[in-house]
Each structure stands twice: as structure tokens, then as C-alpha cells.
Protein backbone atom coordinates (compact mmCIF):
# COMPACT_ATOMS: atom_id res chain seq x y z
CA UNK A 1 -217.52 -64.90 56.53
CA UNK A 2 -215.24 -62.22 57.51
CA UNK A 3 -213.35 -60.56 54.31
CA UNK A 4 -209.68 -61.03 54.42
CA UNK A 5 -207.47 -57.91 51.97
CA UNK A 6 -203.78 -59.44 51.90
CA UNK A 7 -201.64 -56.64 51.27
CA UNK A 8 -198.57 -58.52 50.49
CA UNK A 9 -197.94 -60.56 47.34
CA UNK A 10 -195.47 -62.04 45.78
CA UNK A 11 -194.97 -61.25 41.98
CA UNK A 12 -192.93 -64.03 39.58
CA UNK A 13 -191.45 -63.32 36.44
CA UNK A 14 -190.48 -66.09 34.34
CA UNK A 15 -187.58 -65.00 31.84
CA UNK A 16 -185.71 -66.39 29.01
CA UNK A 17 -183.41 -63.76 26.70
CA UNK A 18 -184.94 -60.61 28.21
CA UNK A 19 -181.90 -58.99 28.27
CA UNK A 20 -183.81 -56.47 25.38
CA UNK A 21 -187.25 -55.87 27.34
CA UNK A 22 -187.05 -56.80 30.82
CA UNK A 23 -186.18 -53.51 32.57
CA UNK A 24 -189.45 -51.89 31.26
CA UNK A 25 -190.99 -54.55 33.32
CA UNK A 26 -188.24 -54.12 36.69
CA UNK A 27 -189.04 -50.49 36.29
CA UNK A 28 -192.61 -50.44 36.82
CA UNK A 29 -192.75 -53.36 39.93
CA UNK A 30 -189.27 -52.06 41.51
CA UNK A 31 -191.85 -49.35 43.51
CA UNK A 32 -194.88 -51.09 43.32
CA UNK A 33 -195.61 -51.36 47.04
CA UNK A 34 -197.69 -54.41 47.22
CA UNK A 35 -194.99 -56.40 46.47
CA UNK A 36 -193.08 -57.96 49.47
CA UNK A 37 -190.97 -59.61 46.96
CA UNK A 38 -190.48 -59.94 43.06
CA UNK A 39 -188.69 -63.20 41.84
CA UNK A 40 -187.57 -63.07 38.12
CA UNK A 41 -186.83 -66.68 37.50
CA UNK A 42 -184.33 -66.79 34.50
CA UNK A 43 -184.08 -70.17 32.07
CA UNK A 44 -181.06 -70.41 31.41
CA UNK A 45 -180.27 -67.39 29.38
CA UNK A 46 -177.63 -67.09 26.69
CA UNK A 47 -177.57 -63.18 27.37
CA UNK A 48 -177.33 -59.95 29.87
CA UNK A 49 -181.04 -61.12 31.75
CA UNK A 50 -179.62 -61.74 34.87
CA UNK A 51 -176.87 -59.18 34.71
CA UNK A 52 -179.73 -57.31 34.57
CA UNK A 53 -181.07 -58.11 37.23
CA UNK A 54 -179.05 -58.53 39.86
CA UNK A 55 -178.26 -54.66 38.76
CA UNK A 56 -181.82 -53.88 39.89
CA UNK A 57 -181.46 -56.07 43.42
CA UNK A 58 -178.51 -54.22 44.38
CA UNK A 59 -180.74 -51.08 44.85
CA UNK A 60 -184.11 -52.85 45.34
CA UNK A 61 -183.41 -55.91 47.87
CA UNK A 62 -187.31 -56.91 46.79
CA UNK A 63 -185.92 -58.12 43.50
CA UNK A 64 -184.50 -61.39 43.56
CA UNK A 65 -182.98 -64.22 40.75
CA UNK A 66 -183.25 -67.27 40.92
CA UNK A 67 -180.84 -68.67 38.06
CA UNK A 68 -182.00 -72.51 36.19
CA UNK A 69 -179.17 -74.07 35.78
CA UNK A 70 -180.88 -76.17 32.87
CA UNK A 71 -183.84 -74.50 30.03
CA UNK A 72 -186.99 -76.21 32.25
CA UNK A 73 -189.47 -74.00 29.73
CA UNK A 74 -192.09 -71.46 31.12
CA UNK A 75 -194.01 -73.25 33.29
CA UNK A 76 -191.16 -75.43 34.86
CA UNK A 77 -190.04 -71.83 35.64
CA UNK A 78 -192.76 -71.03 37.00
CA UNK A 79 -193.43 -73.44 39.29
CA UNK A 80 -189.48 -72.70 40.50
CA UNK A 81 -191.21 -70.10 41.42
CA UNK A 82 -194.55 -70.64 42.76
CA UNK A 83 -192.35 -72.89 45.73
CA UNK A 84 -189.96 -70.42 46.20
CA UNK A 85 -192.52 -67.24 47.14
CA UNK A 86 -193.43 -66.24 50.74
CA UNK A 87 -197.01 -64.96 49.86
CA UNK A 88 -200.17 -66.62 49.62
CA UNK A 89 -201.51 -64.50 47.00
CA UNK A 90 -199.52 -64.63 43.86
CA UNK A 91 -199.16 -62.16 40.75
CA UNK A 92 -197.45 -63.62 37.26
CA UNK A 93 -195.88 -61.13 35.10
CA UNK A 94 -193.89 -62.08 31.66
CA UNK A 95 -190.53 -60.62 30.95
CA UNK A 96 -191.44 -58.38 27.89
CA UNK A 97 -194.57 -56.77 28.10
CA UNK A 98 -194.81 -52.97 27.02
CA UNK A 99 -196.88 -50.08 28.91
CA UNK A 100 -197.44 -52.40 32.19
CA UNK A 101 -198.04 -49.22 34.64
CA UNK A 102 -199.75 -49.68 38.27
CA UNK A 103 -202.91 -49.39 37.30
CA UNK A 104 -203.52 -52.60 35.46
CA UNK A 105 -201.53 -54.42 38.43
CA UNK A 106 -204.25 -53.17 40.82
CA UNK A 107 -207.00 -53.94 38.47
CA UNK A 108 -205.14 -57.41 38.11
CA UNK A 109 -204.88 -57.43 42.19
CA UNK A 110 -208.47 -56.48 43.36
CA UNK A 111 -211.26 -58.76 42.47
CA UNK A 112 -208.88 -61.57 43.58
CA UNK A 113 -207.68 -59.82 47.19
CA UNK A 114 -211.37 -59.01 47.61
CA UNK A 115 -212.53 -62.96 46.84
CA UNK A 116 -214.73 -62.25 44.20
CA UNK A 117 -212.88 -63.88 41.83
CA UNK A 118 -210.19 -66.83 41.82
CA UNK A 119 -207.61 -65.52 39.57
CA UNK A 120 -208.08 -62.52 36.91
CA UNK A 121 -205.90 -62.46 33.79
CA UNK A 122 -204.64 -59.02 32.35
CA UNK A 123 -206.07 -59.02 28.53
CA UNK A 124 -203.47 -56.86 26.54
CA UNK A 125 -203.91 -55.18 23.24
CA UNK A 126 -201.05 -56.66 21.96
CA UNK A 127 -202.36 -60.46 21.72
CA UNK A 128 -206.12 -58.40 19.89
CA UNK A 129 -204.37 -57.42 17.33
CA UNK A 130 -202.17 -61.31 16.23
CA UNK A 131 -204.18 -62.90 13.36
CA UNK A 132 -207.08 -64.35 15.84
CA UNK A 133 -207.06 -61.29 18.18
CA UNK A 134 -210.77 -61.01 16.09
CA UNK A 135 -211.81 -64.64 17.61
CA UNK A 136 -211.85 -63.18 21.65
CA UNK A 137 -209.52 -66.09 22.15
CA UNK A 138 -206.73 -64.49 22.59
CA UNK A 139 -207.98 -63.45 26.01
CA UNK A 140 -207.83 -66.71 27.78
CA UNK A 141 -203.67 -67.38 27.35
CA UNK A 142 -202.20 -64.22 28.55
CA UNK A 143 -199.47 -64.38 31.29
CA UNK A 144 -200.17 -62.06 33.39
CA UNK A 145 -201.82 -63.35 36.09
CA UNK A 146 -203.27 -63.14 39.71
CA UNK A 147 -204.23 -66.13 41.62
CA UNK A 148 -203.65 -67.64 44.84
CA UNK A 149 -200.55 -70.29 45.86
CA UNK A 150 -202.72 -72.83 47.33
CA UNK A 151 -204.43 -73.27 44.07
CA UNK A 152 -201.60 -73.18 42.00
CA UNK A 153 -200.45 -76.30 44.47
CA UNK A 154 -203.07 -78.09 43.64
CA UNK A 155 -202.67 -77.33 39.44
CA UNK A 156 -201.76 -80.81 37.33
CA UNK A 157 -199.35 -78.97 35.33
CA UNK A 158 -196.30 -81.08 33.84
CA UNK A 159 -192.83 -79.59 34.55
CA UNK A 160 -192.80 -79.10 30.36
CA UNK A 161 -195.95 -78.24 29.32
CA UNK A 162 -194.82 -76.17 26.02
CA UNK A 163 -197.48 -73.54 25.95
CA UNK A 164 -200.09 -74.95 27.63
CA UNK A 165 -199.17 -73.46 31.57
CA UNK A 166 -202.38 -70.53 31.01
CA UNK A 167 -204.76 -73.01 29.31
CA UNK A 168 -204.28 -75.84 32.06
CA UNK A 169 -204.58 -73.06 34.55
CA UNK A 170 -208.28 -72.06 33.31
CA UNK A 171 -209.08 -75.53 33.26
CA UNK A 172 -209.10 -75.61 37.05
CA UNK A 173 -210.35 -73.11 37.96
CA UNK A 174 -213.10 -73.94 34.98
CA UNK A 175 -213.56 -77.58 36.29
CA UNK A 176 -213.72 -76.82 39.84
CA UNK A 177 -216.60 -74.34 39.43
CA UNK A 178 -214.29 -71.24 40.57
CA UNK A 179 -214.83 -67.76 39.28
CA UNK A 180 -212.42 -66.37 36.40
CA UNK A 181 -212.13 -63.47 34.75
CA UNK A 182 -209.79 -61.14 31.76
CA UNK A 183 -209.39 -57.30 31.87
CA UNK A 184 -208.89 -55.80 29.18
CA UNK A 185 -205.61 -53.32 29.06
CA UNK A 186 -205.78 -50.94 26.00
CA UNK A 187 -202.21 -50.40 26.44
CA UNK A 188 -200.75 -53.09 27.62
CA UNK A 189 -198.67 -54.67 24.36
CA UNK A 190 -196.16 -57.96 24.53
CA UNK A 191 -193.30 -58.21 22.19
CA UNK A 192 -194.31 -61.22 20.31
CA UNK A 193 -192.08 -64.51 19.51
CA UNK A 194 -191.69 -63.12 15.24
CA UNK A 195 -189.72 -59.76 16.66
CA UNK A 196 -187.57 -61.24 18.92
CA UNK A 197 -185.75 -64.05 16.63
CA UNK A 198 -185.62 -64.31 12.46
CA UNK A 199 -189.19 -63.77 11.38
CA UNK A 200 -189.66 -66.81 9.40
CA UNK A 201 -188.36 -68.92 12.44
CA UNK A 202 -190.53 -66.32 14.95
CA UNK A 203 -193.83 -66.93 12.78
CA UNK A 204 -193.38 -71.26 12.89
CA UNK A 205 -193.13 -70.59 16.23
CA UNK A 206 -196.48 -68.41 17.08
CA UNK A 207 -198.48 -71.06 14.64
CA UNK A 208 -196.83 -74.16 16.57
CA UNK A 209 -197.65 -72.45 19.64
CA UNK A 210 -201.20 -71.90 18.33
CA UNK A 211 -201.62 -75.33 17.00
CA UNK A 212 -200.32 -76.77 20.26
CA UNK A 213 -203.51 -75.00 22.06
CA UNK A 214 -206.30 -75.52 19.71
CA UNK A 215 -205.51 -79.15 19.45
CA UNK A 216 -205.32 -79.51 23.57
CA UNK A 217 -208.31 -77.33 24.16
CA UNK A 218 -210.12 -78.54 21.70
CA UNK A 219 -212.86 -77.10 19.50
CA UNK A 220 -215.90 -77.71 22.72
CA UNK A 221 -213.42 -76.01 25.06
CA UNK A 222 -213.27 -73.29 23.14
CA UNK A 223 -216.94 -72.57 23.96
CA UNK A 224 -216.35 -73.47 27.53
CA UNK A 225 -213.76 -70.59 27.93
CA UNK A 226 -215.71 -68.90 25.84
CA UNK A 227 -219.19 -69.37 28.76
CA UNK A 228 -216.87 -69.40 31.49
CA UNK A 229 -214.06 -67.13 31.68
CA UNK A 230 -215.86 -63.93 32.06
CA UNK A 231 -214.64 -60.44 30.13
CA UNK A 232 -214.71 -57.35 32.82
CA UNK A 233 -216.82 -55.25 30.85
CA UNK A 234 -219.66 -57.57 30.55
CA UNK A 235 -220.06 -59.50 33.84
CA UNK A 236 -223.68 -59.44 33.12
CA UNK A 237 -224.28 -61.14 30.14
CA UNK A 238 -222.37 -63.86 32.41
CA UNK A 239 -224.31 -63.65 35.31
CA UNK A 240 -227.48 -64.29 33.03
CA UNK A 241 -226.08 -66.88 31.36
CA UNK A 242 -225.44 -68.45 34.49
CA UNK A 243 -228.90 -68.52 35.88
CA UNK A 244 -230.56 -69.63 32.27
CA UNK A 245 -228.35 -71.25 29.55
CA UNK A 246 -230.26 -69.79 26.99
CA UNK A 247 -227.98 -66.67 27.40
CA UNK A 248 -225.25 -67.85 26.00
CA UNK A 249 -225.85 -67.70 22.63
CA UNK A 250 -225.89 -63.85 23.42
CA UNK A 251 -222.82 -63.77 25.14
CA UNK A 252 -221.07 -65.30 22.61
CA UNK A 253 -222.23 -63.04 19.85
CA UNK A 254 -221.83 -59.96 21.83
CA UNK A 255 -218.08 -60.65 22.70
CA UNK A 256 -217.34 -61.72 19.68
CA UNK A 257 -218.69 -58.86 18.24
CA UNK A 258 -216.44 -56.35 20.79
CA UNK A 259 -213.12 -58.33 19.76
CA UNK A 260 -213.82 -58.02 16.39
CA UNK A 261 -214.72 -54.12 16.35
CA UNK A 262 -210.99 -54.24 18.95
CA UNK A 263 -208.90 -55.88 16.49
CA UNK A 264 -210.13 -53.79 13.78
CA UNK A 265 -209.56 -50.36 15.83
CA UNK A 266 -205.98 -51.28 16.73
CA UNK A 267 -204.99 -52.88 13.59
CA UNK A 268 -206.43 -49.56 12.10
CA UNK A 269 -204.35 -47.36 14.43
CA UNK A 270 -201.10 -49.09 13.71
CA UNK A 271 -201.55 -49.02 10.10
CA UNK A 272 -202.18 -45.56 9.92
CA UNK A 273 -200.18 -44.60 12.26
CA UNK A 274 -201.61 -42.25 14.02
CA UNK A 275 -199.88 -38.91 16.29
CA UNK A 276 -198.70 -40.40 19.22
CA UNK A 277 -201.27 -37.48 20.76
CA UNK A 278 -204.62 -38.96 18.93
CA UNK A 279 -203.67 -42.51 20.27
CA UNK A 280 -202.75 -41.83 23.85
CA UNK A 281 -206.17 -40.02 23.91
CA UNK A 282 -207.63 -42.77 22.22
CA UNK A 283 -206.31 -44.68 25.04
CA UNK A 284 -206.95 -42.44 27.73
CA UNK A 285 -210.43 -42.56 26.61
CA UNK A 286 -210.88 -46.01 26.68
CA UNK A 287 -209.55 -46.39 30.16
CA UNK A 288 -212.05 -43.78 31.81
CA UNK A 289 -214.73 -45.64 30.17
CA UNK A 290 -213.90 -48.79 31.79
CA UNK A 291 -213.22 -47.61 35.21
CA UNK A 292 -216.67 -46.13 34.86
CA UNK A 293 -218.26 -49.24 33.77
CA UNK A 294 -216.30 -51.35 36.46
CA UNK A 295 -217.48 -48.51 39.20
């Protein structure tokens, strides 16, 4: 079978009241050569999100804006974006990312372009600092994804799925025996809900999201994701337990220990407020190691 590398890609960015954050993402994607188009789906924002996108689109015609007249939720916004997308390879990015680089996007896209994986997910360091970051479950639910449009159109995703879009996408790939993996990005963060709204309201929203995900995925479902959603730097473990299930507990144990160490490292760095230069050097070292591991 001949390998086809697709260079033109549609990028989808769902956004709701992201006027304070979206510039950081647009500043990266506007110059990314592999994107044939960047479609921002403004989900009936009440702030200046649309005005900012229009400002960018004047200088960068590949940036397009869809304005929902009624709030559709993230799932609805993504479905609208996929329908409008011209290209067969889709990249989804959240609008509130901090630290996104072209290298992150390259790492996200390449395994899907080469047909090595059906979908990939960026594993954000910011999610690893949160309450359940140590469990290694946070990596399953990142919004930064590369996938084929034909796969998305086959997914059974209700228009209003609440916080379950990523969960339903994961299980589509698992149930159809399609390979999916996460890619850790040590410098990639996001603005958490409890930073976007009054603290207690944000915590309530975060807990509500977590409960909805846990109830839908179920404990058994989480075990399945542990074993089927590969973690990039432990690919050899997933290969082993795919051949002999006896290796499955080893995979779970090793990845859980790794996630606990990352959780502790990130929170210690944040707590002691190390100098920016030290943090940058630490992140650069991790990136170098990841590139070496993935050769």
C-alpha cells in the first residue's frame, strides 16, 4: 500500500468568551504552513472573541470565522467546524492554550499523516498539575487532536455532549481497533475553568466536569483507556501487552509512576517559583529527551 502524506490540513478552534486568551493561539497558527485553513467557531461569545478573529482574518485570509447565533457547546461547535472543513485531515485546538509551538503541532500531526495512528492527542503539562493529574487520566481528555474527517463523521456524538466529546472520541477509536496515542508537551498549559470565573464557581464547574466524565467512562472504561490509549514514550510497553496481556499490569504501573513523578515535579516547580531560566532549561531538556526517545 502506497503511503500518502497529506500536507493540507484544516484547523478547528472552538471558542467561547476567549477574548483574553485566543491571541496566543492565533499567533502560532497564522504562520503554520501546513494549515490550509484555520476555522474559529465562536460559540455565541459575549465578549470580543469574534472581533479579535476578524482582526486576524484581515491580514491572514486563511483564518475564517463561524459565529453561532445560539450556543451549541463544544461538541456542537466542533461538529459545525468539521462540516465546514475543506481538508480531510483535521487538527483541533482549544482557544485558551498557553505555550503552544509549531513543534507541538508537528508532533501532533506527523503520526496521523504517516498513518501510524488514527488519532493523536497533545498531553498538556497544565492538565498534569490539576487535582487528578497524578492518576495519568488527564492525558485522555486533551482538546488538541489530529484525526481524519471521515472518522469523525462516523462518531455518534450528540449535539450537546457536555464535557464528553473527548471521551466519546476515545472510545470510537478503541471500539474500532484504531490506534490512538498521547504526546506529552512539558511547556503546554491551558487556562483552567477556575481561572476563567469566580473561584468557587470554577471549582464547581471542574468537579461537575470530572463527575460527568467518570460516570460515562466508568472505572472499567478508564482501565481500557490506560491500555489502549498509548503514551508516546512508553510505546514499547503497549507493544508488549498487545502481544501478551500478562504485561498489562506493568504498563499501568509504569505509566502511573511516571505520571505521579510529573505531577510532583510540576507542582514543586510552581510552588517554589523557580527562576524562569531554570524552568526553561528544564523544559528544553525534557523536549530534547522526548525527541531522542521518539527517533
